[in-house]
PDB file of N, CA and C in Angstrom:
ATOM      1  N   MET A   1      -2.741   4.172  16.328  1.00  0.00           N
ATOM      2  CA  MET A   1      -3.385   3.650  16.858  1.00  0.00           C
ATOM      3  C   MET A   1      -3.844   2.177  15.948  1.00  0.00           C
ATOM      4  N   ILE A   2      -5.200   0.918  16.194  1.00  0.00           N
ATOM      5  CA  ILE A   2      -5.665   0.105  15.509  1.00  0.00           C
ATOM      6  C   ILE A   2      -6.717  -0.337  15.785  1.00  0.00           C
ATOM      7  N   LYS A   3      -7.856  -0.454  14.563  1.00  0.00           N
ATOM      8  CA  LYS A   3      -8.953  -0.647  14.720  1.00  0.00           C
ATOM      9  C   LYS A   3      -9.300  -2.093  14.295  1.00  0.00           C
ATOM     10  N   GLU A   4      -9.908  -2.826  15.916  1.00  0.00           N
ATOM     11  CA  GLU A   4     -10.138  -3.673  15.378  1.00  0.00           C
ATOM     12  C   GLU A   4     -10.276  -4.872  14.570  1.00  0.00           C
ATOM     13  N   ASP A   5     -11.609  -4.016  13.725  1.00  0.00           N
ATOM     14  CA  ASP A   5     -12.116  -4.538  12.901  1.00  0.00           C
ATOM     15  C   ASP A   5     -12.010  -4.635  11.256  1.00  0.00           C
ATOM     16  N   CYS A   6     -10.365  -3.691  11.382  1.00  0.00           N
ATOM     17  CA  CYS A   6      -9.642  -3.329   9.514  1.00  0.00           C
ATOM     18  C   CYS A   6      -9.096  -4.451   9.698  1.00  0.00           C
ATOM     19  N   ILE A   7      -9.655  -5.013   8.565  1.00  0.00           N
ATOM     20  CA  ILE A   7      -8.383  -6.560   8.267  1.00  0.00           C
ATOM     21  C   ILE A   7      -7.250  -5.684   7.887  1.00  0.00           C
ATOM     22  N   PHE A   8      -6.484  -4.629   7.370  1.00  0.00           N
ATOM     23  CA  PHE A   8      -5.321  -4.106   6.677  1.00  0.00           C
ATOM     24  C   PHE A   8      -4.506  -3.864   8.188  1.00  0.00           C
ATOM     25  N   CYS A   9      -5.103  -2.979   9.446  1.00  0.00           N
ATOM     26  CA  CYS A   9      -4.848  -3.511  10.501  1.00  0.00           C
ATOM     27  C   CYS A   9      -3.871  -4.808  11.301  1.00  0.00           C
ATOM     28  N   LYS A  10      -4.961  -5.672  11.027  1.00  0.00           N
ATOM     29  CA  LYS A  10      -4.836  -7.446  11.310  1.00  0.00           C
ATOM     30  C   LYS A  10      -3.291  -7.580  10.493  1.00  0.00           C
ATOM     31  N   ILE A  11      -3.258  -7.763   9.857  1.00  0.00           N
ATOM     32  CA  ILE A  11      -2.566  -7.419   8.807  1.00  0.00           C
ATOM     33  C   ILE A  11      -1.191  -7.859   8.816  1.00  0.00           C
ATOM     34  N   ALA A  12      -1.114  -5.631   8.568  1.00  0.00           N
ATOM     35  CA  ALA A  12      -0.126  -4.999   9.367  1.00  0.00           C
ATOM     36  C   ALA A  12       0.707  -5.593  11.010  1.00  0.00           C
ATOM     37  N   ASN A  13      -0.498  -6.106  11.864  1.00  0.00           N
ATOM     38  CA  ASN A  13       0.657  -6.475  13.215  1.00  0.00           C
ATOM     39  C   ASN A  13       0.333  -7.523  13.137  1.00  0.00           C
ATOM     40  N   GLY A  14       0.307  -8.515  12.087  1.00  0.00           N
ATOM     41  CA  GLY A  14       0.304 -10.266  12.943  1.00  0.00           C
ATOM     42  C   GLY A  14      -0.629 -10.626  12.848  1.00  0.00           C
ATOM     43  N   GLU A  15      -1.962 -10.135  13.378  1.00  0.00           N
ATOM     44  CA  GLU A  15      -2.714 -10.928  13.882  1.00  0.00           C
ATOM     45  C   GLU A  15      -3.605 -12.011  12.373  1.00  0.00           C
ATOM     46  N   ILE A  16      -3.604 -11.788  11.344  1.00  0.00           N
ATOM     47  CA  ILE A  16      -3.894 -12.492  10.043  1.00  0.00           C
ATOM     48  C   ILE A  16      -1.798 -12.967   9.255  1.00  0.00           C
ATOM     49  N   PRO A  17      -1.956 -13.697   9.281  1.00  0.00           N
ATOM     50  CA  PRO A  17      -0.645 -14.554   9.133  1.00  0.00           C
ATOM     51  C   PRO A  17      -0.478 -13.858   7.507  1.00  0.00           C
ATOM     52  N   CYS A  18       1.057 -12.881   7.134  1.00  0.00           N
ATOM     53  CA  CYS A  18       1.289 -12.546   5.340  1.00  0.00           C
ATOM     54  C   CYS A  18       1.947 -12.895   5.516  1.00  0.00           C
ATOM     55  N   LYS A  19       2.686 -13.243   4.279  1.00  0.00           N
ATOM     56  CA  LYS A  19       3.933 -12.818   3.941  1.00  0.00           C
ATOM     57  C   LYS A  19       4.537 -10.845   3.607  1.00  0.00           C
ATOM     58  N   PHE A  20       4.952 -10.653   4.319  1.00  0.00           N
ATOM     59  CA  PHE A  20       5.583  -9.142   3.967  1.00  0.00           C
ATOM     60  C   PHE A  20       6.715  -8.876   3.674  1.00  0.00           C
ATOM     61  N   VAL A  21       6.332  -8.445   2.014  1.00  0.00           N
ATOM     62  CA  VAL A  21       7.697  -7.759   1.248  1.00  0.00           C
ATOM     63  C   VAL A  21       8.446  -7.092   1.223  1.00  0.00           C
ATOM     64  N   TYR A  22       7.855  -6.338   2.355  1.00  0.00           N
ATOM     65  CA  TYR A  22       8.900  -5.163   3.109  1.00  0.00           C
ATOM     66  C   TYR A  22       8.255  -5.048   4.403  1.00  0.00           C
ATOM     67  N   GLU A  23       9.142  -4.582   5.200  1.00  0.00           N
ATOM     68  CA  GLU A  23       8.664  -4.250   6.858  1.00  0.00           C
ATOM     69  C   GLU A  23       9.170  -3.109   7.577  1.00  0.00           C
ATOM     70  N   THR A  24       9.340  -2.149   7.945  1.00  0.00           N
ATOM     71  CA  THR A  24       9.865  -1.169   8.986  1.00  0.00           C
ATOM     72  C   THR A  24       9.058  -1.137  10.381  1.00  0.00           C
ATOM     73  N   ASP A  25       9.165  -0.310  10.784  1.00  0.00           N
ATOM     74  CA  ASP A  25       8.424   0.290  12.374  1.00  0.00           C
ATOM     75  C   ASP A  25       7.283   0.537  12.109  1.00  0.00           C
ATOM     76  N   ASP A  26       7.084   1.578  10.968  1.00  0.00           N
ATOM     77  CA  ASP A  26       5.706   2.126  10.474  1.00  0.00           C
ATOM     78  C   ASP A  26       5.013   1.803   9.265  1.00  0.00           C
ATOM     79  N   VAL A  27       5.594   1.083   8.400  1.00  0.00           N
ATOM     80  CA  VAL A  27       5.318   0.188   7.278  1.00  0.00           C
ATOM     81  C   VAL A  27       5.066  -1.198   7.125  1.00  0.00           C
ATOM     82  N   VAL A  28       3.870  -1.554   5.918  1.00  0.00           N
ATOM     83  CA  VAL A  28       4.274  -3.313   5.818  1.00  0.00           C
ATOM     84  C   VAL A  28       3.409  -3.234   4.758  1.00  0.00           C
ATOM     85  N   ALA A  29       4.485  -3.847   3.212  1.00  0.00           N
ATOM     86  CA  ALA A  29       3.891  -3.827   2.803  1.00  0.00           C
ATOM     87  C   ALA A  29       3.297  -5.500   1.615  1.00  0.00           C
ATOM     88  N   PHE A  30       2.786  -5.995   0.837  1.00  0.00           N
ATOM     89  CA  PHE A  30       2.207  -7.315   0.374  1.00  0.00           C
ATOM     90  C   PHE A  30       1.680  -7.596  -0.514  1.00  0.00           C
ATOM     91  N   ASP A  31       1.801  -8.642  -1.256  1.00  0.00           N
ATOM     92  CA  ASP A  31       0.866  -8.625  -2.418  1.00  0.00           C
ATOM     93  C   ASP A  31      -0.103  -8.795  -2.441  1.00  0.00           C
ATOM     94  N   ASP A  32      -0.877  -7.657  -2.976  1.00  0.00           N
ATOM     95  CA  ASP A  32      -2.284  -7.937  -3.656  1.00  0.00           C
ATOM     96  C   ASP A  32      -2.683  -9.440  -4.096  1.00  0.00           C
ATOM     97  N   LEU A  33      -3.789  -9.790  -3.065  1.00  0.00           N
ATOM     98  CA  LEU A  33      -4.518 -11.025  -2.884  1.00  0.00           C
ATOM     99  C   LEU A  33      -5.867 -10.729  -5.017  1.00  0.00           C
ATOM    100  N   ASN A  34      -5.896  -9.998  -5.269  1.00  0.00           N
ATOM    101  CA  ASN A  34      -6.787 -10.157  -6.711  1.00  0.00           C
ATOM    102  C   ASN A  34      -6.019  -8.960  -7.313  1.00  0.00           C
ATOM    103  N   PRO A  35      -4.854  -9.515  -8.168  1.00  0.00           N
ATOM    104  CA  PRO A  35      -3.637  -8.502  -8.365  1.00  0.00           C
ATOM    105  C   PRO A  35      -4.402  -7.995  -9.873  1.00  0.00           C
ATOM    106  N   GLN A  36      -4.073  -6.904 -10.434  1.00  0.00           N
ATOM    107  CA  GLN A  36      -4.724  -6.527 -11.767  1.00  0.00           C
ATOM    108  C   GLN A  36      -3.395  -6.440 -12.266  1.00  0.00           C
ATOM    109  N   ALA A  37      -2.163  -6.366 -11.189  1.00  0.00           N
ATOM    110  CA  ALA A  37      -1.348  -6.700 -13.044  1.00  0.00           C
ATOM    111  C   ALA A  37      -0.056  -7.572 -12.201  1.00  0.00           C
ATOM    112  N   PRO A  38       1.009  -8.105 -12.914  1.00  0.00           N
ATOM    113  CA  PRO A  38       1.721  -8.875 -12.690  1.00  0.00           C
ATOM    114  C   PRO A  38       2.611  -8.438 -11.006  1.00  0.00           C
ATOM    115  N   ILE A  39       3.003  -7.388 -10.731  1.00  0.00           N
ATOM    116  CA  ILE A  39       3.719  -6.607  -9.688  1.00  0.00           C
ATOM    117  C   ILE A  39       2.535  -6.028  -9.690  1.00  0.00           C
ATOM    118  N   HIS A  40       1.582  -6.205  -8.540  1.00  0.00           N
ATOM    119  CA  HIS A  40       0.567  -5.822  -7.325  1.00  0.00           C
ATOM    120  C   HIS A  40       0.528  -5.484  -5.907  1.00  0.00           C
ATOM    121  N   THR A  41       1.518  -4.519  -5.620  1.00  0.00           N
ATOM    122  CA  THR A  41       1.858  -4.826  -4.637  1.00  0.00           C
ATOM    123  C   THR A  41       0.855  -3.904  -3.278  1.00  0.00           C
ATOM    124  N   LEU A  42       0.435  -4.236  -2.037  1.00  0.00           N
ATOM    125  CA  LEU A  42      -0.437  -2.588  -0.815  1.00  0.00           C
ATOM    126  C   LEU A  42       0.838  -2.274   0.144  1.00  0.00           C
ATOM    127  N   ILE A  43       0.880  -1.266   0.522  1.00  0.00           N
ATOM    128  CA  ILE A  43       1.969  -0.786   1.239  1.00  0.00           C
ATOM    129  C   ILE A  43       1.038   0.097   2.285  1.00  0.00           C
ATOM    130  N   VAL A  44       0.935  -0.099   3.501  1.00  0.00           N
ATOM    131  CA  VAL A  44       0.261   0.063   4.086  1.00  0.00           C
ATOM    132  C   VAL A  44       0.761   1.412   5.892  1.00  0.00           C
ATOM    133  N   PRO A  45       0.051   1.610   6.419  1.00  0.00           N
ATOM    134  CA  PRO A  45       1.089   2.467   7.506  1.00  0.00           C
ATOM    135  C   PRO A  45       0.427   1.210   8.729  1.00  0.00           C
ATOM    136  N   LYS A  46       1.010   1.222   9.667  1.00  0.00           N
ATOM    137  CA  LYS A  46       0.793   0.272  10.623  1.00  0.00           C
ATOM    138  C   LYS A  46      -0.380   0.411  11.289  1.00  0.00           C
ATOM    139  N   GLN A  47       0.092   1.773  11.712  1.00  0.00           N
ATOM    140  CA  GLN A  47      -1.406   2.969  12.821  1.00  0.00           C
ATOM    141  C   GLN A  47      -2.319   2.778  11.509  1.00  0.00           C
ATOM    142  N   HIS A  48      -3.672   2.587  12.306  1.00  0.00           N
ATOM    143  CA  HIS A  48      -4.706   2.835  10.924  1.00  0.00           C
ATOM    144  C   HIS A  48      -5.035   4.293  10.804  1.00  0.00           C
ATOM    145  N   PHE A  49      -5.578   4.772   9.602  1.00  0.00           N
ATOM    146  CA  PHE A  49      -5.990   5.923   8.818  1.00  0.00           C
ATOM    147  C   PHE A  49      -6.489   5.773   7.690  1.00  0.00           C
ATOM    148  N   GLU A  50      -8.129   5.915   8.078  1.00  0.00           N
ATOM    149  CA  GLU A  50      -9.073   5.086   7.031  1.00  0.00           C
ATOM    150  C   GLU A  50      -8.439   5.468   5.338  1.00  0.00           C
ATOM    151  N   THR A  51      -7.802   7.050   5.520  1.00  0.00           N
ATOM    152  CA  THR A  51      -7.493   8.057   3.909  1.00  0.00           C
ATOM    153  C   THR A  51      -6.896   8.599   4.378  1.00  0.00           C
ATOM    154  N   ILE A  52      -5.727   9.215   3.380  1.00  0.00           N
ATOM    155  CA  ILE A  52      -4.640   9.799   2.754  1.00  0.00           C
ATOM    156  C   ILE A  52      -4.675  11.389   3.739  1.00  0.00           C
ATOM    157  N   GLU A  53      -6.562  11.583   3.300  1.00  0.00           N
ATOM    158  CA  GLU A  53      -6.582  13.188   4.255  1.00  0.00           C
ATOM    159  C   GLU A  53      -6.444  12.935   5.893  1.00  0.00           C
ATOM    160  N   ASP A  54      -6.437  12.031   6.215  1.00  0.00           N
ATOM    161  CA  ASP A  54      -6.326  11.648   7.834  1.00  0.00           C
ATOM    162  C   ASP A  54      -5.218  12.197   8.282  1.00  0.00           C
ATOM    163  N   VAL A  55      -3.827  11.516   7.271  1.00  0.00           N
ATOM    164  CA  VAL A  55      -2.421  11.653   7.079  1.00  0.00           C
ATOM    165  C   VAL A  55      -1.701  13.118   7.899  1.00  0.00           C
ATOM    166  N   ASN A  56      -1.211  14.106   8.917  1.00  0.00           N
ATOM    167  CA  ASN A  56      -1.455  15.123   9.459  1.00  0.00           C
ATOM    168  C   ASN A  56       0.396  14.880   9.742  1.00  0.00           C
ATOM    169  N   ASP A  57       0.734  13.633   9.402  1.00  0.00           N
ATOM    170  CA  ASP A  57       1.918  13.522   9.762  1.00  0.00           C
ATOM    171  C   ASP A  57       2.847  13.632   8.608  1.00  0.00           C
ATOM    172  N   PRO A  58       3.706  15.069   7.728  1.00  0.00           N
ATOM    173  CA  PRO A  58       4.947  14.288   7.014  1.00  0.00           C
ATOM    174  C   PRO A  58       5.798  12.933   7.074  1.00  0.00           C
ATOM    175  N   GLU A  59       6.052  13.251   8.489  1.00  0.00           N
ATOM    176  CA  GLU A  59       7.961  12.459   8.374  1.00  0.00           C
ATOM    177  C   GLU A  59       6.629  10.722   7.594  1.00  0.00           C
ATOM    178  N   LEU A  60       5.108  10.569   8.474  1.00  0.00           N
ATOM    179  CA  LEU A  60       5.089   9.458   7.607  1.00  0.00           C
ATOM    180  C   LEU A  60       4.330   8.946   6.598  1.00  0.00           C
ATOM    181  N   LEU A  61       4.289  10.246   5.743  1.00  0.00           N
ATOM    182  CA  LEU A  61       3.705  10.787   4.655  1.00  0.00           C
ATOM    183  C   LEU A  61       5.341   9.762   3.816  1.00  0.00           C
ATOM    184  N   ALA A  62       6.442  10.219   4.483  1.00  0.00           N
ATOM    185  CA  ALA A  62       8.161  10.316   3.358  1.00  0.00           C
ATOM    186  C   ALA A  62       7.863   8.883   3.715  1.00  0.00           C
ATOM    187  N   LYS A  63       7.639   8.611   4.400  1.00  0.00           N
ATOM    188  CA  LYS A  63       8.010   6.415   5.102  1.00  0.00           C
ATOM    189  C   LYS A  63       7.200   6.161   4.090  1.00  0.00           C
ATOM    190  N   LEU A  64       6.017   6.254   3.335  1.00  0.00           N
ATOM    191  CA  LEU A  64       4.903   5.687   2.972  1.00  0.00           C
ATOM    192  C   LEU A  64       5.654   5.927   1.320  1.00  0.00           C
ATOM    193  N   MET A  65       6.411   7.102   1.012  1.00  0.00           N
ATOM    194  CA  MET A  65       6.947   7.197  -0.052  1.00  0.00           C
ATOM    195  C   MET A  65       8.129   6.376  -0.514  1.00  0.00           C
ATOM    196  N   LEU A  66       8.772   6.111   0.478  1.00  0.00           N
ATOM    197  CA  LEU A  66      10.154   5.759   0.662  1.00  0.00           C
ATOM    198  C   LEU A  66       9.894   4.496   0.117  1.00  0.00           C
ATOM    199  N   ALA A  67       8.833   3.459   0.840  1.00  0.00           N
ATOM    200  CA  ALA A  67       8.243   2.311   0.682  1.00  0.00           C
ATOM    201  C   ALA A  67       8.055   2.215  -0.619  1.00  0.00           C
ATOM    202  N   VAL A  68       7.399   2.468  -1.209  1.00  0.00           N
ATOM    203  CA  VAL A  68       7.395   2.840  -2.675  1.00  0.00           C
ATOM    204  C   VAL A  68       8.476   2.419  -3.546  1.00  0.00           C
ATOM    205  N   LYS A  69       9.461   3.007  -3.341  1.00  0.00           N
ATOM    206  CA  LYS A  69      10.623   2.925  -3.814  1.00  0.00           C
ATOM    207  C   LYS A  69      11.430   2.082  -3.715  1.00  0.00           C
ATOM    208  N   GLU A  70      11.343   1.245  -2.533  1.00  0.00           N
ATOM    209  CA  GLU A  70      11.932   0.098  -2.047  1.00  0.00           C
ATOM    210  C   GLU A  70      11.346  -1.467  -2.615  1.00  0.00           C
ATOM    211  N   VAL A  71       9.759  -1.036  -2.416  1.00  0.00           N
ATOM    212  CA  VAL A  71       8.805  -2.155  -3.011  1.00  0.00           C
ATOM    213  C   VAL A  71       9.315  -2.560  -5.154  1.00  0.00           C
ATOM    214  N   ALA A  72       9.276  -1.368  -5.293  1.00  0.00           N
ATOM    215  CA  ALA A  72       9.521  -1.261  -6.960  1.00  0.00           C
ATOM    216  C   ALA A  72      10.179  -1.844  -7.159  1.00  0.00           C
ATOM    217  N   LYS A  73      11.552  -1.275  -6.570  1.00  0.00           N
ATOM    218  CA  LYS A  73      13.035  -2.321  -6.632  1.00  0.00           C
ATOM    219  C   LYS A  73      12.813  -3.797  -6.137  1.00  0.00           C
ATOM    220  N   ILE A  74      12.694  -3.938  -5.287  1.00  0.00           N
ATOM    221  CA  ILE A  74      12.530  -5.299  -4.272  1.00  0.00           C
ATOM    222  C   ILE A  74      12.020  -6.520  -5.369  1.00  0.00           C
ATOM    223  N   LYS A  75      11.113  -6.388  -6.199  1.00  0.00           N
ATOM    224  CA  LYS A  75       9.581  -6.746  -6.636  1.00  0.00           C
ATOM    225  C   LYS A  75      10.004  -7.399  -7.993  1.00  0.00           C
ATOM    226  N   GLY A  76      11.254  -5.975  -8.841  1.00  0.00           N
ATOM    227  CA  GLY A  76      11.736  -5.657  -9.630  1.00  0.00           C
ATOM    228  C   GLY A  76      11.320  -5.111 -10.930  1.00  0.00           C
ATOM    229  N   ALA A  77      10.844  -3.634 -10.683  1.00  0.00           N
ATOM    230  CA  ALA A  77       9.960  -3.060 -11.538  1.00  0.00           C
ATOM    231  C   ALA A  77      11.086  -2.637 -12.090  1.00  0.00           C
ATOM    232  N   LYS A  78      12.028  -2.741 -13.134  1.00  0.00           N
ATOM    233  CA  LYS A  78      13.058  -2.125 -13.812  1.00  0.00           C
ATOM    234  C   LYS A  78      12.446  -1.158 -14.784  1.00  0.00           C
ATOM    235  N   ASN A  79      11.176  -1.713 -15.755  1.00  0.00           N
ATOM    236  CA  ASN A  79      11.167  -0.454 -16.228  1.00  0.00           C
ATOM    237  C   ASN A  79       9.179   0.135 -16.179  1.00  0.00           C
ATOM    238  N   GLY A  80       9.354   0.740 -14.812  1.00  0.00           N
ATOM    239  CA  GLY A  80       8.952   1.354 -14.156  1.00  0.00           C
ATOM    240  C   GLY A  80       7.168   0.849 -13.371  1.00  0.00           C
ATOM    241  N   PHE A  81       7.005   1.937 -12.674  1.00  0.00           N
ATOM    242  CA  PHE A  81       5.269   1.241 -12.553  1.00  0.00           C
ATOM    243  C   PHE A  81       4.459   2.078 -12.020  1.00  0.00           C
ATOM    244  N   ARG A  82       3.073   2.323 -11.458  1.00  0.00           N
ATOM    245  CA  ARG A  82       2.078   3.051 -11.277  1.00  0.00           C
ATOM    246  C   ARG A  82       2.219   3.133  -9.811  1.00  0.00           C
ATOM    247  N   THR A  83       1.816   3.538  -8.988  1.00  0.00           N
ATOM    248  CA  THR A  83       1.127   3.915  -7.727  1.00  0.00           C
ATOM    249  C   THR A  83       0.024   4.668  -7.807  1.00  0.00           C
ATOM    250  N   VAL A  84      -1.183   3.924  -7.121  1.00  0.00           N
ATOM    251  CA  VAL A  84      -2.421   4.716  -6.619  1.00  0.00           C
ATOM    252  C   VAL A  84      -2.824   4.519  -5.088  1.00  0.00           C
ATOM    253  N   ILE A  85      -3.575   5.621  -5.162  1.00  0.00           N
ATOM    254  CA  ILE A  85      -4.119   5.771  -3.670  1.00  0.00           C
ATOM    255  C   ILE A  85      -5.163   6.048  -4.062  1.00  0.00           C
ATOM    256  N   ASN A  86      -6.128   5.099  -3.843  1.00  0.00           N
ATOM    257  CA  ASN A  86      -7.394   5.367  -3.825  1.00  0.00           C
ATOM    258  C   ASN A  86      -8.207   6.013  -2.174  1.00  0.00           C
ATOM    259  N   THR A  87      -8.762   7.312  -2.217  1.00  0.00           N
ATOM    260  CA  THR A  87      -9.672   7.506  -1.611  1.00  0.00           C
ATOM    261  C   THR A  87     -11.028   7.790  -1.250  1.00  0.00           C
ATOM    262  N   LYS A  88     -11.625   7.764  -0.239  1.00  0.00           N
ATOM    263  CA  LYS A  88     -12.929   7.354   0.049  1.00  0.00           C
ATOM    264  C   LYS A  88     -13.754   6.888  -1.496  1.00  0.00           C
ATOM    265  N   GLU A  89     -14.970   6.816  -1.262  1.00  0.00           N
ATOM    266  CA  GLU A  89     -15.734   5.906  -1.832  1.00  0.00           C
ATOM    267  C   GLU A  89     -15.931   6.343  -3.393  1.00  0.00           C
ATOM    268  N   ASP A  90     -16.354   7.503  -3.748  1.00  0.00           N
ATOM    269  CA  ASP A  90     -16.167   7.924  -5.118  1.00  0.00           C
ATOM    270  C   ASP A  90     -14.735   7.889  -5.715  1.00  0.00           C
ATOM    271  N   GLY A  91     -13.628   7.589  -5.014  1.00  0.00           N
ATOM    272  CA  GLY A  91     -12.449   7.716  -5.267  1.00  0.00           C
ATOM    273  C   GLY A  91     -12.056   6.062  -5.685  1.00  0.00           C
ATOM    274  N   GLY A  92     -12.829   5.522  -5.371  1.00  0.00           N
ATOM    275  CA  GLY A  92     -12.840   3.314  -5.422  1.00  0.00           C
ATOM    276  C   GLY A  92     -12.053   3.198  -4.151  1.00  0.00           C
ATOM    277  N   GLN A  93     -12.473   3.871  -2.899  1.00  0.00           N
ATOM    278  CA  GLN A  93     -11.232   3.286  -1.788  1.00  0.00           C
ATOM    279  C   GLN A  93     -12.524   1.783  -1.462  1.00  0.00           C
ATOM    280  N   GLU A  94     -12.047   0.481  -1.125  1.00  0.00           N
ATOM    281  CA  GLU A  94     -12.519  -0.622  -0.695  1.00  0.00           C
ATOM    282  C   GLU A  94     -12.641  -0.649   0.321  1.00  0.00           C
ATOM    283  N   VAL A  95     -11.140  -0.949   1.220  1.00  0.00           N
ATOM    284  CA  VAL A  95     -10.855  -1.169   2.266  1.00  0.00           C
ATOM    285  C   VAL A  95     -10.637   0.572   2.534  1.00  0.00           C
ATOM    286  N   PHE A  96     -10.913   1.000   4.198  1.00  0.00           N
ATOM    287  CA  PHE A  96     -10.946   1.880   4.023  1.00  0.00           C
ATOM    288  C   PHE A  96     -10.006   1.898   5.512  1.00  0.00           C
ATOM    289  N   HIS A  97      -8.425   1.563   5.084  1.00  0.00           N
ATOM    290  CA  HIS A  97      -7.419   1.865   5.855  1.00  0.00           C
ATOM    291  C   HIS A  97      -6.374   1.955   4.892  1.00  0.00           C
ATOM    292  N   LEU A  98      -5.857   3.618   5.258  1.00  0.00           N
ATOM    293  CA  LEU A  98      -4.919   4.065   3.649  1.00  0.00           C
ATOM    294  C   LEU A  98      -3.932   2.627   3.434  1.00  0.00           C
ATOM    295  N   HIS A  99      -4.002   2.482   1.705  1.00  0.00           N
ATOM    296  CA  HIS A  99      -3.101   2.232   1.771  1.00  0.00           C
ATOM    297  C   HIS A  99      -2.432   1.934  -0.009  1.00  0.00           C
ATOM    298  N   ILE A 100      -1.432   2.015  -0.177  1.00  0.00           N
ATOM    299  CA  ILE A 100      -0.865   2.337  -2.007  1.00  0.00           C
ATOM    300  C   ILE A 100      -0.509   1.337  -2.731  1.00  0.00           C
ATOM    301  N   HIS A 101      -1.309   1.111  -3.851  1.00  0.00           N
ATOM    302  CA  HIS A 101      -0.979   0.273  -4.820  1.00  0.00           C
ATOM    303  C   HIS A 101       0.008   0.443  -5.332  1.00  0.00           C
ATOM    304  N   VAL A 102       0.845  -0.919  -5.834  1.00  0.00           N
ATOM    305  CA  VAL A 102       2.275  -0.510  -6.557  1.00  0.00           C
ATOM    306  C   VAL A 102       2.428  -2.046  -7.298  1.00  0.00           C
ATOM    307  N   LEU A 103       1.534  -1.113  -9.105  1.00  0.00           N
ATOM    308  CA  LEU A 103       1.894  -1.395 -10.293  1.00  0.00           C
ATOM    309  C   LEU A 103       2.758  -2.131 -11.297  1.00  0.00           C
ATOM    310  N   ALA A 104       3.082  -3.099 -11.743  1.00  0.00           N
ATOM    311  CA  ALA A 104       4.181  -2.695 -12.409  1.00  0.00           C
ATOM    312  C   ALA A 104       3.636  -4.732 -13.037  1.00  0.00           C
ATOM    313  N   GLY A 105       5.180  -4.606 -14.037  1.00  0.00           N
ATOM    314  CA  GLY A 105       5.210  -5.937 -14.456  1.00  0.00           C
ATOM    315  C   GLY A 105       4.948  -6.101 -15.912  1.00  0.00           C
ATOM    316  N   ARG A 106       4.136  -5.100 -16.572  1.00  0.00           N
ATOM    317  CA  ARG A 106       3.760  -4.880 -17.859  1.00  0.00           C
ATOM    318  C   ARG A 106       3.475  -3.282 -18.006  1.00  0.00           C
ATOM    319  N   LYS A 107       3.145  -2.935 -19.830  1.00  0.00           N
ATOM    320  CA  LYS A 107       3.106  -2.418 -20.058  1.00  0.00           C
ATOM    321  C   LYS A 107       1.823  -1.722 -19.408  1.00  0.00           C
ATOM    322  N   LEU A 108       1.252  -0.488 -18.600  1.00  0.00           N
ATOM    323  CA  LEU A 108       0.105  -0.255 -18.283  1.00  0.00           C
ATOM    324  C   LEU A 108      -1.179   1.285 -19.444  1.00  0.00           C
ATOM    325  N   LYS A 109      -2.082   0.665 -19.356  1.00  0.00           N
ATOM    326  CA  LYS A 109      -2.474   1.847 -20.914  1.00  0.00           C
ATOM    327  C   LYS A 109      -2.544   3.322 -19.409  1.00  0.00           C
ATOM    328  N   SER A 110      -2.180   4.330 -20.325  1.00  0.00           N
ATOM    329  CA  SER A 110      -1.533   6.099 -19.929  1.00  0.00           C
ATOM    330  C   SER A 110      -3.322   6.385 -19.107  1.00  0.00           C
ATOM    331  N   LEU A 111      -3.303   6.545 -18.104  1.00  0.00           N
ATOM    332  CA  LEU A 111      -4.857   7.338 -17.878  1.00  0.00           C
ATOM    333  C   LEU A 111      -5.222   8.183 -18.210  1.00  0.00           C
ATOM    334  N   GLY A 112      -4.171   9.106 -18.765  1.00  0.00           N
ATOM    335  CA  GLY A 112      -4.409  10.324 -19.404  1.00  0.00           C
ATOM    336  C   GLY A 112      -4.269  10.453 -21.282  1.00  0.00           C
TER     337      GLY A 112
END
């Protein structure tokens, strides 16, 4: 399912031109327009899911995690990386299409 007014659906399905870092039949990855680290890439499923809570397909979740590994490798995150999935408003989600942030390229501050 694709949501017509969703910017990430439009990017993932080629309606908005974008250079993909990584692409499979189910997942695309592209660099964030407002990077918070030297490497900041977003991984999104081509199918629309508002949040991770809406995904009940373990195979798709596995494909997203494999994409994280591939993107980190492609982008050269040799010294490590952080993944972030913001969920709903209180979790900091701004675009309501499931996406995973991959951040790297410098030492990131500890969260704990």
